[in-house]
Amino acid sequence: MGKKTARVGKVFDRIINAGMVVAGFLVLFMIFTTGYEVIVRYMGFTPPIWRLQTNQYALLWITFLATAWLLRREGHVRVEIVLSHIPPRARAVLNTITSAICALLCLGVTWVACRVVWSLHVRGVEEIGSITVPFSAVMAIVPVGSFLLFIQFIRRACGYWRSRATGDDGETGAKIIRPDHMN
């Protein structure tokens, strides 16, 4: 891997790490606002009406901020019962193919989500609830997160393809593309 590619990989890793940090803060926000609502309700007061709506938005953002980071760590669900019965090189090829297919699907989601978000923005659609916000701002994370996931699936496919060539067990494909401090 060249110096430029390694530098771009490090920048991308920083981006998805930052996304995970933001997702973590959003989880903390949800914990505190839910706890606050429970305490206020227990004390006999009316809880804030904005909590449910903001936590719904936070769930959406957490999902799309964390998926690329989770994929880099191989944290997504896998069917091990099938993979464990496949020879290592075939497993690496299968993982390469599935990663490439997933990358294409994520690229498709990115494209459609960009069009939807742009349409929401142009039409000025607002989410009217306890708070009023531009719906395009809420949904903007969908194309961003899908694109980050697309890039991570490409990195994963390349890592598995390299592991096939070296004769590794196929499970190290993800480790090849991870930065040294993550191994």
N, C-alpha and C. Protein backbone atom coordinates (compact mmCIF):
# COMPACT_ATOMS: atom_id res chain seq x y z
N MET A 1 0.85 -1.17 0.00
CA MET A 1 0.00 0.00 0.00
C MET A 1 0.89 1.23 0.00
N GLY A 2 0.60 2.17 -0.89
CA GLY A 2 1.41 3.37 -1.02
C GLY A 2 1.19 4.34 0.12
N LYS A 3 2.10 5.32 0.20
CA LYS A 3 2.01 6.32 1.27
C LYS A 3 0.73 7.14 1.17
N LYS A 4 0.37 7.51 -0.06
CA LYS A 4 -0.82 8.32 -0.25
C LYS A 4 -2.07 7.54 0.16
N THR A 5 -2.13 6.28 -0.22
CA THR A 5 -3.27 5.44 0.15
C THR A 5 -3.34 5.26 1.66
N ALA A 6 -2.19 5.07 2.27
CA ALA A 6 -2.16 4.91 3.73
C ALA A 6 -2.63 6.20 4.42
N ARG A 7 -2.23 7.35 3.89
CA ARG A 7 -2.65 8.63 4.46
C ARG A 7 -4.17 8.83 4.32
N VAL A 8 -4.69 8.49 3.15
CA VAL A 8 -6.13 8.61 2.94
C VAL A 8 -6.87 7.66 3.87
N GLY A 9 -6.32 6.46 4.04
CA GLY A 9 -6.93 5.49 4.97
C GLY A 9 -6.95 6.00 6.40
N LYS A 10 -5.88 6.66 6.82
CA LYS A 10 -5.84 7.22 8.17
C LYS A 10 -6.85 8.35 8.35
N VAL A 11 -6.98 9.17 7.32
CA VAL A 11 -7.98 10.26 7.39
C VAL A 11 -9.38 9.67 7.47
N PHE A 12 -9.64 8.66 6.65
CA PHE A 12 -10.95 8.02 6.68
C PHE A 12 -11.22 7.38 8.04
N ASP A 13 -10.20 6.73 8.60
CA ASP A 13 -10.36 6.14 9.94
C ASP A 13 -10.67 7.21 10.98
N ARG A 14 -10.05 8.36 10.86
CA ARG A 14 -10.34 9.45 11.80
C ARG A 14 -11.78 9.94 11.64
N ILE A 15 -12.25 9.98 10.41
CA ILE A 15 -13.63 10.41 10.16
C ILE A 15 -14.62 9.44 10.80
N ILE A 16 -14.41 8.14 10.59
CA ILE A 16 -15.38 7.19 11.16
C ILE A 16 -15.21 7.07 12.68
N ASN A 17 -14.00 7.30 13.18
CA ASN A 17 -13.83 7.36 14.64
C ASN A 17 -14.57 8.55 15.22
N ALA A 18 -14.50 9.69 14.53
CA ALA A 18 -15.23 10.88 14.99
C ALA A 18 -16.74 10.63 14.95
N GLY A 19 -17.19 9.95 13.92
CA GLY A 19 -18.61 9.59 13.84
C GLY A 19 -19.03 8.73 15.01
N MET A 20 -18.16 7.82 15.40
CA MET A 20 -18.48 6.96 16.54
C MET A 20 -18.51 7.75 17.84
N VAL A 21 -17.62 8.72 17.97
CA VAL A 21 -17.62 9.57 19.17
C VAL A 21 -18.92 10.36 19.24
N VAL A 22 -19.33 10.94 18.13
CA VAL A 22 -20.60 11.68 18.10
C VAL A 22 -21.75 10.75 18.45
N ALA A 23 -21.74 9.54 17.89
CA ALA A 23 -22.79 8.55 18.21
C ALA A 23 -22.80 8.24 19.70
N GLY A 24 -21.63 8.12 20.30
CA GLY A 24 -21.54 7.87 21.74
C GLY A 24 -22.14 9.00 22.55
N PHE A 25 -21.85 10.25 22.14
CA PHE A 25 -22.44 11.40 22.83
C PHE A 25 -23.96 11.43 22.67
N LEU A 26 -24.43 11.01 21.50
CA LEU A 26 -25.88 10.95 21.29
C LEU A 26 -26.53 9.90 22.19
N VAL A 27 -25.84 8.78 22.39
CA VAL A 27 -26.35 7.76 23.31
C VAL A 27 -26.43 8.34 24.72
N LEU A 28 -25.38 9.04 25.14
CA LEU A 28 -25.40 9.68 26.46
C LEU A 28 -26.54 10.70 26.57
N PHE A 29 -26.73 11.47 25.50
CA PHE A 29 -27.83 12.43 25.47
C PHE A 29 -29.17 11.71 25.69
N MET A 30 -29.35 10.60 25.00
CA MET A 30 -30.60 9.84 25.13
C MET A 30 -30.77 9.29 26.55
N ILE A 31 -29.70 8.82 27.12
CA ILE A 31 -29.75 8.29 28.49
C ILE A 31 -30.16 9.39 29.46
N PHE A 32 -29.50 10.55 29.36
CA PHE A 32 -29.80 11.64 30.28
C PHE A 32 -31.20 12.21 30.09
N THR A 33 -31.62 12.38 28.85
CA THR A 33 -32.96 12.94 28.63
C THR A 33 -34.05 11.96 29.06
N THR A 34 -33.82 10.68 28.85
CA THR A 34 -34.80 9.68 29.30
C THR A 34 -34.84 9.62 30.82
N GLY A 35 -33.68 9.64 31.43
CA GLY A 35 -33.62 9.65 32.89
C GLY A 35 -34.29 10.89 33.47
N TYR A 36 -34.03 12.03 32.85
CA TYR A 36 -34.66 13.28 33.28
C TYR A 36 -36.18 13.17 33.19
N GLU A 37 -36.66 12.60 32.09
CA GLU A 37 -38.11 12.44 31.93
C GLU A 37 -38.70 11.55 33.01
N VAL A 38 -38.03 10.46 33.33
CA VAL A 38 -38.51 9.55 34.36
C VAL A 38 -38.56 10.26 35.71
N ILE A 39 -37.51 10.98 36.05
CA ILE A 39 -37.47 11.70 37.34
C ILE A 39 -38.57 12.75 37.42
N VAL A 40 -38.72 13.52 36.36
CA VAL A 40 -39.73 14.58 36.34
C VAL A 40 -41.13 13.97 36.46
N ARG A 41 -41.35 12.88 35.74
CA ARG A 41 -42.66 12.20 35.79
C ARG A 41 -42.91 11.65 37.20
N TYR A 42 -41.89 11.06 37.81
CA TYR A 42 -42.00 10.50 39.16
C TYR A 42 -42.34 11.58 40.19
N MET A 43 -41.80 12.77 39.95
CA MET A 43 -42.05 13.88 40.87
C MET A 43 -43.43 14.52 40.64
N GLY A 44 -44.16 14.03 39.64
CA GLY A 44 -45.51 14.51 39.39
C GLY A 44 -45.60 15.67 38.43
N PHE A 45 -44.51 15.98 37.76
CA PHE A 45 -44.51 17.08 36.81
C PHE A 45 -44.69 16.54 35.39
N THR A 46 -45.01 17.44 34.49
CA THR A 46 -45.12 17.07 33.09
C THR A 46 -43.72 17.01 32.48
N PRO A 47 -43.38 15.88 31.85
CA PRO A 47 -42.04 15.77 31.23
C PRO A 47 -41.94 16.66 29.99
N PRO A 48 -40.73 16.95 29.57
CA PRO A 48 -40.56 17.79 28.38
C PRO A 48 -41.10 17.07 27.14
N ILE A 49 -41.79 17.81 26.30
CA ILE A 49 -42.40 17.18 25.14
C ILE A 49 -41.41 16.95 23.99
N TRP A 50 -40.26 17.59 24.04
CA TRP A 50 -39.29 17.47 22.96
C TRP A 50 -38.44 16.21 23.04
N ARG A 51 -38.43 15.52 24.18
CA ARG A 51 -37.52 14.40 24.39
C ARG A 51 -37.74 13.26 23.40
N LEU A 52 -38.97 12.86 23.19
CA LEU A 52 -39.24 11.73 22.29
C LEU A 52 -38.79 12.04 20.87
N GLN A 53 -39.11 13.20 20.38
CA GLN A 53 -38.74 13.58 19.01
C GLN A 53 -37.23 13.66 18.84
N THR A 54 -36.54 14.29 19.77
CA THR A 54 -35.08 14.40 19.64
C THR A 54 -34.41 13.04 19.78
N ASN A 55 -34.94 12.16 20.62
CA ASN A 55 -34.35 10.83 20.75
C ASN A 55 -34.59 9.98 19.51
N GLN A 56 -35.70 10.20 18.83
CA GLN A 56 -35.93 9.51 17.56
C GLN A 56 -34.88 9.94 16.53
N TYR A 57 -34.62 11.22 16.47
CA TYR A 57 -33.58 11.72 15.56
C TYR A 57 -32.21 11.17 15.96
N ALA A 58 -31.95 11.14 17.25
CA ALA A 58 -30.66 10.63 17.72
C ALA A 58 -30.47 9.17 17.32
N LEU A 59 -31.52 8.35 17.41
CA LEU A 59 -31.42 6.94 17.01
C LEU A 59 -31.03 6.81 15.54
N LEU A 60 -31.63 7.64 14.70
CA LEU A 60 -31.29 7.62 13.28
C LEU A 60 -29.83 7.99 13.08
N TRP A 61 -29.39 9.06 13.71
CA TRP A 61 -28.01 9.52 13.57
C TRP A 61 -27.02 8.52 14.14
N ILE A 62 -27.34 7.92 15.28
CA ILE A 62 -26.45 6.92 15.88
C ILE A 62 -26.23 5.77 14.90
N THR A 63 -27.31 5.31 14.29
CA THR A 63 -27.23 4.19 13.35
C THR A 63 -26.28 4.50 12.21
N PHE A 64 -26.45 5.65 11.58
CA PHE A 64 -25.66 5.95 10.40
C PHE A 64 -24.26 6.47 10.71
N LEU A 65 -24.04 6.95 11.93
CA LEU A 65 -22.69 7.36 12.32
C LEU A 65 -21.83 6.17 12.74
N ALA A 66 -22.45 5.12 13.24
CA ALA A 66 -21.69 4.01 13.82
C ALA A 66 -21.46 2.83 12.90
N THR A 67 -22.20 2.70 11.81
CA THR A 67 -22.12 1.47 11.01
C THR A 67 -20.76 1.24 10.36
N ALA A 68 -20.15 2.28 9.81
CA ALA A 68 -18.84 2.10 9.16
C ALA A 68 -17.78 1.72 10.19
N TRP A 69 -17.82 2.34 11.35
CA TRP A 69 -16.89 2.00 12.43
C TRP A 69 -17.09 0.55 12.87
N LEU A 70 -18.33 0.15 13.00
CA LEU A 70 -18.64 -1.22 13.42
C LEU A 70 -18.17 -2.23 12.37
N LEU A 71 -18.34 -1.91 11.10
CA LEU A 71 -17.88 -2.80 10.03
C LEU A 71 -16.36 -2.92 10.06
N ARG A 72 -15.67 -1.83 10.30
CA ARG A 72 -14.20 -1.88 10.36
C ARG A 72 -13.75 -2.85 11.46
N ARG A 73 -14.51 -2.92 12.53
CA ARG A 73 -14.18 -3.81 13.64
C ARG A 73 -14.78 -5.20 13.48
N GLU A 74 -15.38 -5.46 12.30
CA GLU A 74 -16.03 -6.75 12.01
C GLU A 74 -17.12 -7.06 13.04
N GLY A 75 -17.87 -6.04 13.43
CA GLY A 75 -18.89 -6.21 14.45
C GLY A 75 -20.27 -6.54 13.92
N HIS A 76 -20.44 -6.58 12.61
CA HIS A 76 -21.75 -6.89 12.06
C HIS A 76 -22.02 -8.39 12.15
N VAL A 77 -23.26 -8.76 12.07
CA VAL A 77 -23.67 -10.16 12.20
C VAL A 77 -23.16 -10.96 11.01
N ARG A 78 -22.64 -12.15 11.30
CA ARG A 78 -22.15 -13.05 10.26
C ARG A 78 -22.68 -14.45 10.54
N VAL A 79 -22.84 -15.23 9.49
CA VAL A 79 -23.31 -16.61 9.64
C VAL A 79 -22.08 -17.51 9.72
N GLU A 80 -21.56 -17.66 10.93
CA GLU A 80 -20.33 -18.43 11.14
C GLU A 80 -20.49 -19.91 10.83
N ILE A 81 -21.68 -20.45 11.01
CA ILE A 81 -21.89 -21.88 10.78
C ILE A 81 -21.59 -22.25 9.32
N VAL A 82 -21.85 -21.33 8.41
CA VAL A 82 -21.55 -21.57 7.00
C VAL A 82 -20.08 -21.30 6.73
N LEU A 83 -19.58 -20.16 7.20
CA LEU A 83 -18.20 -19.77 6.92
C LEU A 83 -17.17 -20.73 7.50
N SER A 84 -17.48 -21.34 8.63
CA SER A 84 -16.51 -22.24 9.27
C SER A 84 -16.29 -23.53 8.49
N HIS A 85 -17.18 -23.85 7.56
CA HIS A 85 -17.05 -25.07 6.77
C HIS A 85 -16.49 -24.83 5.37
N ILE A 86 -16.05 -23.63 5.11
CA ILE A 86 -15.50 -23.28 3.80
C ILE A 86 -13.99 -23.15 3.94
N PRO A 87 -13.23 -23.67 2.96
CA PRO A 87 -11.77 -23.52 3.02
C PRO A 87 -11.36 -22.04 3.07
N PRO A 88 -10.22 -21.76 3.69
CA PRO A 88 -9.80 -20.36 3.90
C PRO A 88 -9.77 -19.50 2.64
N ARG A 89 -9.21 -19.99 1.57
CA ARG A 89 -9.14 -19.15 0.35
C ARG A 89 -10.53 -18.91 -0.23
N ALA A 90 -11.37 -19.93 -0.21
CA ALA A 90 -12.74 -19.77 -0.71
C ALA A 90 -13.51 -18.79 0.20
N ARG A 91 -13.26 -18.84 1.49
CA ARG A 91 -13.89 -17.93 2.44
C ARG A 91 -13.48 -16.49 2.14
N ALA A 92 -12.21 -16.29 1.82
CA ALA A 92 -11.73 -14.95 1.49
C ALA A 92 -12.40 -14.44 0.21
N VAL A 93 -12.55 -15.32 -0.78
CA VAL A 93 -13.22 -14.93 -2.03
C VAL A 93 -14.69 -14.60 -1.76
N LEU A 94 -15.36 -15.45 -0.99
CA LEU A 94 -16.75 -15.22 -0.65
C LEU A 94 -16.92 -13.90 0.11
N ASN A 95 -16.04 -13.64 1.07
CA ASN A 95 -16.09 -12.38 1.81
C ASN A 95 -15.82 -11.18 0.91
N THR A 96 -14.94 -11.36 -0.07
CA THR A 96 -14.68 -10.29 -1.04
C THR A 96 -15.93 -10.00 -1.85
N ILE A 97 -16.57 -11.04 -2.35
CA ILE A 97 -17.78 -10.88 -3.18
C ILE A 97 -18.91 -10.23 -2.37
N THR A 98 -19.15 -10.74 -1.16
CA THR A 98 -20.24 -10.17 -0.36
C THR A 98 -19.95 -8.72 0.02
N SER A 99 -18.70 -8.40 0.29
CA SER A 99 -18.34 -7.01 0.60
C SER A 99 -18.55 -6.11 -0.61
N ALA A 100 -18.20 -6.60 -1.79
CA ALA A 100 -18.39 -5.81 -3.02
C ALA A 100 -19.88 -5.59 -3.29
N ILE A 101 -20.69 -6.62 -3.09
CA ILE A 101 -22.14 -6.48 -3.29
C ILE A 101 -22.71 -5.47 -2.29
N CYS A 102 -22.30 -5.59 -1.05
CA CYS A 102 -22.78 -4.65 -0.02
C CYS A 102 -22.33 -3.23 -0.34
N ALA A 103 -21.13 -3.07 -0.88
CA ALA A 103 -20.65 -1.75 -1.25
C ALA A 103 -21.55 -1.15 -2.34
N LEU A 104 -21.90 -1.96 -3.32
CA LEU A 104 -22.77 -1.47 -4.38
C LEU A 104 -24.15 -1.09 -3.84
N LEU A 105 -24.68 -1.89 -2.92
CA LEU A 105 -25.97 -1.57 -2.31
C LEU A 105 -25.89 -0.26 -1.53
N CYS A 106 -24.81 -0.07 -0.80
CA CYS A 106 -24.63 1.18 -0.04
C CYS A 106 -24.50 2.37 -0.97
N LEU A 107 -23.84 2.19 -2.10
CA LEU A 107 -23.73 3.27 -3.08
C LEU A 107 -25.11 3.62 -3.63
N GLY A 108 -25.94 2.60 -3.88
CA GLY A 108 -27.30 2.84 -4.33
C GLY A 108 -28.12 3.59 -3.29
N VAL A 109 -28.00 3.19 -2.03
CA VAL A 109 -28.71 3.88 -0.95
C VAL A 109 -28.22 5.33 -0.86
N THR A 110 -26.93 5.53 -1.01
CA THR A 110 -26.37 6.89 -0.97
C THR A 110 -26.99 7.75 -2.06
N TRP A 111 -27.04 7.22 -3.27
CA TRP A 111 -27.59 7.96 -4.40
C TRP A 111 -29.06 8.34 -4.16
N VAL A 112 -29.86 7.35 -3.78
CA VAL A 112 -31.29 7.61 -3.56
C VAL A 112 -31.48 8.57 -2.39
N ALA A 113 -30.73 8.37 -1.31
CA ALA A 113 -30.86 9.24 -0.13
C ALA A 113 -30.46 10.67 -0.46
N CYS A 114 -29.44 10.86 -1.28
CA CYS A 114 -29.05 12.21 -1.69
C CYS A 114 -30.19 12.89 -2.44
N ARG A 115 -30.81 12.16 -3.32
CA ARG A 115 -31.93 12.73 -4.09
C ARG A 115 -33.10 13.07 -3.17
N VAL A 116 -33.40 12.20 -2.21
CA VAL A 116 -34.51 12.44 -1.28
C VAL A 116 -34.21 13.65 -0.40
N VAL A 117 -33.01 13.70 0.16
CA VAL A 117 -32.64 14.82 1.04
C VAL A 117 -32.67 16.13 0.26
N TRP A 118 -32.16 16.11 -0.96
CA TRP A 118 -32.18 17.33 -1.77
C TRP A 118 -33.62 17.76 -2.05
N SER A 119 -34.47 16.81 -2.37
CA SER A 119 -35.88 17.11 -2.63
C SER A 119 -36.55 17.70 -1.39
N LEU A 120 -36.27 17.13 -0.22
CA LEU A 120 -36.82 17.65 1.03
C LEU A 120 -36.35 19.09 1.26
N HIS A 121 -35.08 19.32 0.97
CA HIS A 121 -34.51 20.66 1.16
C HIS A 121 -35.14 21.68 0.20
N VAL A 122 -35.22 21.32 -1.06
CA VAL A 122 -35.76 22.23 -2.08
C VAL A 122 -37.22 22.57 -1.78
N ARG A 123 -37.97 21.57 -1.36
CA ARG A 123 -39.40 21.80 -1.07
C ARG A 123 -39.62 22.42 0.30
N GLY A 124 -38.57 22.50 1.11
CA GLY A 124 -38.69 23.13 2.43
C GLY A 124 -39.55 22.33 3.40
N VAL A 125 -39.51 21.02 3.29
CA VAL A 125 -40.32 20.16 4.16
C VAL A 125 -39.79 20.26 5.59
N GLU A 126 -40.72 20.45 6.52
CA GLU A 126 -40.35 20.53 7.93
C GLU A 126 -41.02 19.43 8.70
N GLU A 127 -40.34 18.95 9.72
CA GLU A 127 -40.90 18.00 10.67
C GLU A 127 -41.58 18.83 11.74
N ILE A 128 -42.89 18.72 11.80
CA ILE A 128 -43.64 19.51 12.77
C ILE A 128 -44.05 18.59 13.90
N GLY A 129 -43.53 18.85 15.05
CA GLY A 129 -43.83 18.08 16.25
C GLY A 129 -43.67 19.00 17.43
N SER A 130 -43.08 18.48 18.47
CA SER A 130 -42.84 19.33 19.64
C SER A 130 -41.83 20.43 19.31
N ILE A 131 -40.96 20.14 18.36
CA ILE A 131 -40.06 21.15 17.81
C ILE A 131 -40.16 21.06 16.28
N THR A 132 -39.96 22.16 15.62
CA THR A 132 -40.03 22.17 14.16
C THR A 132 -38.62 22.29 13.61
N VAL A 133 -38.26 21.31 12.76
CA VAL A 133 -36.93 21.31 12.17
C VAL A 133 -37.05 20.97 10.69
N PRO A 134 -36.12 21.47 9.88
CA PRO A 134 -36.11 21.05 8.47
C PRO A 134 -35.85 19.54 8.40
N PHE A 135 -36.73 18.83 7.72
CA PHE A 135 -36.60 17.37 7.66
C PHE A 135 -35.35 16.95 6.89
N SER A 136 -34.91 17.80 5.97
CA SER A 136 -33.68 17.48 5.23
C SER A 136 -32.48 17.45 6.18
N ALA A 137 -32.48 18.29 7.21
CA ALA A 137 -31.38 18.29 8.18
C ALA A 137 -31.38 17.00 9.00
N VAL A 138 -32.55 16.52 9.32
CA VAL A 138 -32.66 15.26 10.08
C VAL A 138 -32.18 14.10 9.22
N MET A 139 -32.59 14.08 7.97
CA MET A 139 -32.30 12.95 7.08
C MET A 139 -30.94 13.03 6.40
N ALA A 140 -30.23 14.13 6.55
CA ALA A 140 -28.93 14.31 5.88
C ALA A 140 -27.91 13.25 6.27
N ILE A 141 -28.07 12.65 7.42
CA ILE A 141 -27.10 11.65 7.87
C ILE A 141 -27.21 10.35 7.07
N VAL A 142 -28.34 10.10 6.44
CA VAL A 142 -28.53 8.85 5.70
C VAL A 142 -27.55 8.74 4.52
N PRO A 143 -27.46 9.73 3.63
CA PRO A 143 -26.48 9.58 2.56
C PRO A 143 -25.03 9.64 3.06
N VAL A 144 -24.78 10.44 4.08
CA VAL A 144 -23.42 10.53 4.62
C VAL A 144 -22.99 9.18 5.19
N GLY A 145 -23.82 8.62 6.06
CA GLY A 145 -23.49 7.33 6.67
C GLY A 145 -23.43 6.20 5.66
N SER A 146 -24.31 6.22 4.68
CA SER A 146 -24.30 5.18 3.64
C SER A 146 -23.03 5.27 2.80
N PHE A 147 -22.57 6.49 2.52
CA PHE A 147 -21.35 6.65 1.75
C PHE A 147 -20.13 6.18 2.54
N LEU A 148 -20.09 6.50 3.82
CA LEU A 148 -18.98 6.01 4.65
C LEU A 148 -18.98 4.48 4.71
N LEU A 149 -20.15 3.90 4.79
CA LEU A 149 -20.26 2.44 4.80
C LEU A 149 -19.83 1.85 3.45
N PHE A 150 -20.16 2.53 2.36
CA PHE A 150 -19.71 2.11 1.03
C PHE A 150 -18.19 2.05 0.98
N ILE A 151 -17.54 3.12 1.44
CA ILE A 151 -16.08 3.14 1.42
C ILE A 151 -15.50 2.03 2.29
N GLN A 152 -16.08 1.81 3.46
CA GLN A 152 -15.56 0.77 4.35
C GLN A 152 -15.76 -0.61 3.75
N PHE A 153 -16.86 -0.84 3.05
CA PHE A 153 -17.05 -2.13 2.38
C PHE A 153 -16.03 -2.34 1.27
N ILE A 154 -15.68 -1.27 0.55
CA ILE A 154 -14.63 -1.37 -0.48
C ILE A 154 -13.31 -1.72 0.18
N ARG A 155 -12.97 -1.05 1.27
CA ARG A 155 -11.72 -1.35 1.99
C ARG A 155 -11.72 -2.79 2.46
N ARG A 156 -12.85 -3.24 2.95
CA ARG A 156 -12.98 -4.61 3.46
C ARG A 156 -12.79 -5.61 2.32
N ALA A 157 -13.43 -5.35 1.18
CA ALA A 157 -13.29 -6.24 0.02
C ALA A 157 -11.83 -6.32 -0.41
N CYS A 158 -11.16 -5.18 -0.46
CA CYS A 158 -9.73 -5.18 -0.84
C CYS A 158 -8.89 -5.96 0.16
N GLY A 159 -9.19 -5.80 1.43
CA GLY A 159 -8.45 -6.53 2.46
C GLY A 159 -8.65 -8.03 2.35
N TYR A 160 -9.88 -8.46 2.12
CA TYR A 160 -10.14 -9.89 1.95
C TYR A 160 -9.49 -10.41 0.67
N TRP A 161 -9.50 -9.61 -0.38
CA TRP A 161 -8.88 -10.04 -1.63
C TRP A 161 -7.38 -10.24 -1.43
N ARG A 162 -6.75 -9.33 -0.70
CA ARG A 162 -5.31 -9.49 -0.41
C ARG A 162 -5.07 -10.72 0.46
N SER A 163 -5.95 -11.00 1.39
CA SER A 163 -5.76 -12.16 2.25
C SER A 163 -5.90 -13.45 1.45
N ARG A 164 -6.72 -13.44 0.39
CA ARG A 164 -6.86 -14.61 -0.48
C ARG A 164 -5.55 -14.87 -1.20
N ALA A 165 -4.93 -13.80 -1.65
CA ALA A 165 -3.68 -13.93 -2.40
C ALA A 165 -2.54 -14.45 -1.53
N THR A 166 -2.56 -14.11 -0.25
CA THR A 166 -1.47 -14.55 0.64
C THR A 166 -1.75 -15.90 1.28
N GLY A 167 -2.97 -16.41 1.07
CA GLY A 167 -3.30 -17.71 1.65
C GLY A 167 -3.71 -17.66 3.10
N ASP A 168 -4.00 -16.46 3.62
CA ASP A 168 -4.49 -16.35 4.99
C ASP A 168 -5.84 -17.02 5.10
N ASP A 169 -6.34 -17.09 6.32
CA ASP A 169 -7.59 -17.80 6.55
C ASP A 169 -8.83 -17.05 6.09
N GLY A 170 -8.68 -15.86 5.57
CA GLY A 170 -9.83 -15.11 5.10
C GLY A 170 -10.41 -14.22 6.18
N GLU A 171 -10.18 -14.56 7.43
CA GLU A 171 -10.70 -13.74 8.51
C GLU A 171 -9.79 -12.55 8.77
N THR A 172 -8.59 -12.58 8.26
CA THR A 172 -7.67 -11.47 8.49
C THR A 172 -7.87 -10.35 7.48
N GLY A 173 -8.79 -10.52 6.54
CA GLY A 173 -9.03 -9.49 5.54
C GLY A 173 -9.33 -8.15 6.16
N ALA A 174 -10.12 -8.17 7.21
CA ALA A 174 -10.48 -6.91 7.86
C ALA A 174 -9.30 -6.35 8.63
N LYS A 175 -8.47 -7.23 9.18
CA LYS A 175 -7.35 -6.76 9.98
C LYS A 175 -6.30 -6.08 9.11
N ILE A 176 -6.18 -6.48 7.88
CA ILE A 176 -5.21 -5.87 6.97
C ILE A 176 -5.52 -4.40 6.78
N ILE A 177 -6.79 -4.05 6.70
CA ILE A 177 -7.17 -2.69 6.38
C ILE A 177 -7.35 -1.83 7.61
N ARG A 178 -7.21 -2.41 8.80
CA ARG A 178 -7.34 -1.62 10.02
C ARG A 178 -6.02 -0.97 10.37
N PRO A 179 -6.07 0.20 10.97
CA PRO A 179 -4.81 0.83 11.39
C PRO A 179 -4.15 0.01 12.50
N ASP A 180 -2.84 0.19 12.64
CA ASP A 180 -2.08 -0.62 13.58
C ASP A 180 -2.63 -0.54 15.01
N HIS A 181 -3.09 0.62 15.43
CA HIS A 181 -3.58 0.74 16.81
C HIS A 181 -4.90 0.01 17.05
N MET A 182 -5.56 -0.44 15.98
CA MET A 182 -6.85 -1.14 16.13
C MET A 182 -6.69 -2.65 16.15
N ASN A 183 -5.55 -3.18 15.76
CA ASN A 183 -5.36 -4.64 15.71
C ASN A 183 -5.27 -5.25 17.06
